[in-house]
Amino acid sequence: MMMAQRTRFDLGIFALLALVMLATRTHSLSAYVHLPDTGWASFFVAGYYIRSRMAFPALFLLAFAIDLVVIGARGGASFCFTPAYWMLVPAYGTMWCAGRFAAKRMGASLAILPAIVVLAVGATFVGHLFSSGGFYVLSGHFKDPSLAGFAGRIIRYFPGSLLSTLTWTGVAIACHAVVVLLTSGQSSGQRR
């Protein structure tokens, strides 16, 4: 019984993350509201909640498929689709592993929230180094890449990645808190 509940929970979280990723990565709602991409946060949250290791490649394949559709079928810009694209594997892997670490070592109490935020910031930075650094060095778009040139790209692009990650991670934390409050109310009501 517990295993079936865990599997349903994992599938529910995966479906929710996939839905949000579809909405933000495709920019399908941009005509109404521009939502920042949830990719980084989705991998962090998936690592935190989903126990199956198959969720990582499944989520990555979803992100890849979305990018293929946006670039191919919808005529999106293919500027970022270079051999450096595969640096997203270690970038997203960093986020996934940070989420797993948080779930195993930190738990879910309110007291550890600052530590989870620090972990998310650090993982986003490392992931950004893989992603942006890989693009800078491997994409072929930059003549004579240098450390100074890359530092300028970090200053320019990392704040947006961090803001997006913290925003969506904050949404996940808020949803978690609401669910805990609602279920703890049900549990105390059942004891009466």
Protein backbone atom coordinates (compact mmCIF):
# COMPACT_ATOMS: atom_id res chain seq x y z
CA MET A 1 0.00 0.00 0.00
CA MET A 2 2.78 2.45 0.94
CA MET A 3 4.68 1.73 -2.28
CA ALA A 4 1.58 2.41 -4.40
CA GLN A 5 0.98 5.70 -2.57
CA ARG A 6 4.62 6.70 -3.06
CA THR A 7 4.42 5.88 -6.78
CA ARG A 8 1.21 7.92 -7.15
CA PHE A 9 2.84 10.80 -5.27
CA ASP A 10 5.96 10.65 -7.47
CA LEU A 11 3.85 10.56 -10.63
CA GLY A 12 1.72 13.45 -9.39
CA ILE A 13 4.78 15.59 -8.64
CA PHE A 14 6.31 14.67 -12.00
CA ALA A 15 3.10 15.53 -13.84
CA LEU A 16 2.86 18.87 -12.05
CA LEU A 17 6.49 19.72 -12.81
CA ALA A 18 6.03 18.65 -16.44
CA LEU A 19 2.96 20.85 -16.75
CA VAL A 20 4.72 23.90 -15.31
CA MET A 21 7.77 23.21 -17.47
CA LEU A 22 5.55 22.99 -20.56
CA ALA A 23 3.92 26.31 -19.69
CA THR A 24 7.14 28.18 -18.98
CA ARG A 25 9.69 26.62 -21.33
CA THR A 26 7.50 26.94 -24.41
CA HIS A 27 6.48 30.49 -23.48
CA SER A 28 2.98 29.50 -24.58
CA LEU A 29 1.45 31.93 -22.09
CA SER A 30 3.69 34.84 -23.13
CA ALA A 31 0.82 36.59 -24.90
CA TYR A 32 -0.84 36.92 -21.48
CA VAL A 33 1.98 36.83 -18.95
CA HIS A 34 5.69 36.08 -19.16
CA LEU A 35 6.58 33.38 -16.68
CA PRO A 36 10.26 32.70 -16.03
CA ASP A 37 11.49 29.26 -17.06
CA THR A 38 11.11 26.71 -14.30
CA GLY A 39 13.78 24.30 -15.60
CA TRP A 40 16.37 24.76 -12.85
CA ALA A 41 13.82 24.71 -10.05
CA SER A 42 11.98 21.73 -11.56
CA PHE A 43 15.09 19.59 -11.30
CA PHE A 44 15.74 20.76 -7.73
CA VAL A 45 12.14 20.05 -6.69
CA ALA A 46 12.09 16.71 -8.51
CA GLY A 47 15.28 15.69 -6.76
CA TYR A 48 13.73 16.66 -3.43
CA TYR A 49 10.41 14.86 -3.83
CA ILE A 50 10.71 12.07 -6.39
CA ARG A 51 12.50 8.93 -5.25
CA SER A 52 12.76 7.19 -8.62
CA ARG A 53 16.05 7.83 -10.36
CA MET A 54 14.23 7.48 -13.67
CA ALA A 55 12.60 10.85 -13.07
CA PHE A 56 15.85 12.67 -13.88
CA PRO A 57 16.26 11.30 -17.42
CA ALA A 58 12.50 11.55 -17.98
CA LEU A 59 12.49 15.23 -16.97
CA PHE A 60 15.59 15.90 -19.07
CA LEU A 61 14.01 14.21 -22.09
CA LEU A 62 10.91 16.34 -21.58
CA ALA A 63 13.02 19.52 -21.51
CA PHE A 64 14.89 18.35 -24.64
CA ALA A 65 11.63 17.51 -26.43
CA ILE A 66 10.17 20.90 -25.53
CA ASP A 67 13.28 22.62 -26.90
CA LEU A 68 13.09 20.58 -30.11
CA VAL A 69 9.45 21.53 -30.61
CA VAL A 70 10.04 25.21 -29.82
CA ILE A 71 13.06 25.37 -32.12
CA GLY A 72 11.76 23.12 -34.89
CA ALA A 73 8.00 23.23 -35.13
CA ARG A 74 7.39 26.68 -33.71
CA GLY A 75 10.32 28.40 -35.42
CA GLY A 76 12.18 29.41 -32.26
CA ALA A 77 15.76 30.59 -32.29
CA SER A 78 18.29 27.77 -32.52
CA PHE A 79 21.19 29.91 -31.25
CA CYS A 80 21.51 27.84 -28.05
CA PHE A 81 21.14 24.48 -29.75
CA THR A 82 24.83 23.58 -30.19
CA PRO A 83 27.08 20.75 -28.95
CA ALA A 84 27.17 22.74 -25.68
CA TYR A 85 23.50 21.87 -25.14
CA TRP A 86 24.60 18.62 -23.51
CA MET A 87 26.23 20.59 -20.71
CA LEU A 88 22.67 20.87 -19.43
CA VAL A 89 23.01 17.25 -18.25
CA PRO A 90 25.53 18.10 -15.51
CA ALA A 91 23.83 21.47 -14.92
CA TYR A 92 20.43 19.91 -14.28
CA GLY A 93 22.13 16.99 -12.55
CA THR A 94 23.59 19.46 -10.06
CA MET A 95 20.11 20.76 -9.30
CA TRP A 96 18.70 17.22 -9.02
CA CYS A 97 21.50 16.12 -6.66
CA ALA A 98 21.06 19.24 -4.53
CA GLY A 99 17.36 18.44 -4.18
CA ARG A 100 18.17 14.83 -3.23
CA PHE A 101 20.72 16.04 -0.70
CA ALA A 102 18.19 18.44 0.83
CA ALA A 103 15.56 15.70 1.12
CA LYS A 104 17.94 13.17 2.69
CA ARG A 105 19.99 15.42 4.95
CA MET A 106 17.79 18.40 5.77
CA GLY A 107 14.21 17.20 5.93
CA ALA A 108 11.18 19.44 5.62
CA SER A 109 10.98 21.60 8.73
CA LEU A 110 10.61 25.36 8.60
CA ALA A 111 13.87 25.73 10.52
CA ILE A 112 15.95 24.40 7.63
CA LEU A 113 14.42 26.76 5.06
CA PRO A 114 17.44 29.13 5.08
CA ALA A 115 19.77 26.16 4.51
CA ILE A 116 17.65 24.96 1.58
CA VAL A 117 17.75 28.45 0.07
CA VAL A 118 21.56 28.56 0.44
CA LEU A 119 21.78 25.10 -1.14
CA ALA A 120 19.53 26.17 -4.02
CA VAL A 121 21.65 29.29 -4.60
CA GLY A 122 24.88 27.27 -4.59
CA ALA A 123 23.47 24.58 -6.87
CA THR A 124 22.12 27.20 -9.26
CA PHE A 125 25.56 28.81 -9.42
CA VAL A 126 27.32 25.49 -10.11
CA GLY A 127 24.64 24.55 -12.64
CA HIS A 128 25.06 27.93 -14.28
CA LEU A 129 28.81 27.36 -14.51
CA PHE A 130 28.16 24.11 -16.39
CA SER A 131 25.44 25.54 -18.60
CA SER A 132 26.74 29.00 -19.39
CA GLY A 133 30.39 27.98 -19.22
CA GLY A 134 29.75 25.07 -21.55
CA PHE A 135 27.92 27.33 -23.96
CA TYR A 136 30.68 29.93 -23.83
CA VAL A 137 33.44 27.42 -24.51
CA LEU A 138 31.73 24.76 -26.67
CA SER A 139 29.08 26.56 -28.72
CA GLY A 140 31.42 27.98 -31.32
CA HIS A 141 29.74 31.38 -31.03
CA PHE A 142 32.61 33.05 -29.14
CA LYS A 143 36.00 33.68 -30.64
CA ASP A 144 38.85 33.24 -28.15
CA PRO A 145 36.86 32.54 -24.96
CA SER A 146 38.55 33.88 -21.85
CA LEU A 147 37.96 33.84 -18.12
CA ALA A 148 37.28 37.60 -18.19
CA GLY A 149 34.76 37.14 -20.99
CA PHE A 150 33.04 34.37 -19.07
CA ALA A 151 32.96 36.46 -15.87
CA GLY A 152 31.02 39.11 -17.79
CA ARG A 153 28.50 36.49 -18.88
CA ILE A 154 28.06 35.32 -15.28
CA ILE A 155 27.37 38.88 -14.17
CA ARG A 156 24.89 39.33 -17.01
CA TYR A 157 23.01 36.01 -16.97
CA PHE A 158 23.33 34.43 -13.53
CA PRO A 159 21.03 36.87 -11.69
CA GLY A 160 18.14 35.96 -14.02
CA SER A 161 18.75 32.23 -13.58
CA LEU A 162 18.94 32.67 -9.82
CA LEU A 163 15.78 34.78 -9.64
CA SER A 164 13.84 32.26 -11.72
CA THR A 165 15.11 29.34 -9.63
CA LEU A 166 14.35 31.01 -6.31
CA THR A 167 10.93 32.15 -7.52
CA TRP A 168 9.82 28.67 -8.57
CA THR A 169 11.49 26.99 -5.60
CA GLY A 170 9.62 29.47 -3.40
CA VAL A 171 6.36 28.51 -5.11
CA ALA A 172 7.13 24.84 -4.42
CA ILE A 173 7.92 25.61 -0.77
CA ALA A 174 4.69 27.59 -0.41
CA CYS A 175 2.68 24.73 -1.95
CA HIS A 176 4.42 22.28 0.39
CA ALA A 177 3.55 24.46 3.39
CA VAL A 178 -0.11 24.69 2.33
CA VAL A 179 -0.35 20.92 1.88
CA VAL A 180 1.27 20.33 5.29
CA LEU A 181 -1.11 22.78 6.95
CA LEU A 182 -4.16 21.26 5.28
CA THR A 183 -3.16 17.66 6.02
CA SER A 184 -2.14 18.41 9.61
CA GLY A 185 -5.58 19.97 10.11
CA GLN A 186 -7.17 16.80 8.77
CA SER A 187 -4.98 14.60 10.99
CA SER A 188 -5.85 16.55 14.15
CA GLY A 189 -9.53 16.49 13.16
CA GLN A 190 -9.42 12.72 12.80
CA ARG A 191 -7.96 12.28 16.30
CA ARG A 192 -10.84 14.06 18.02
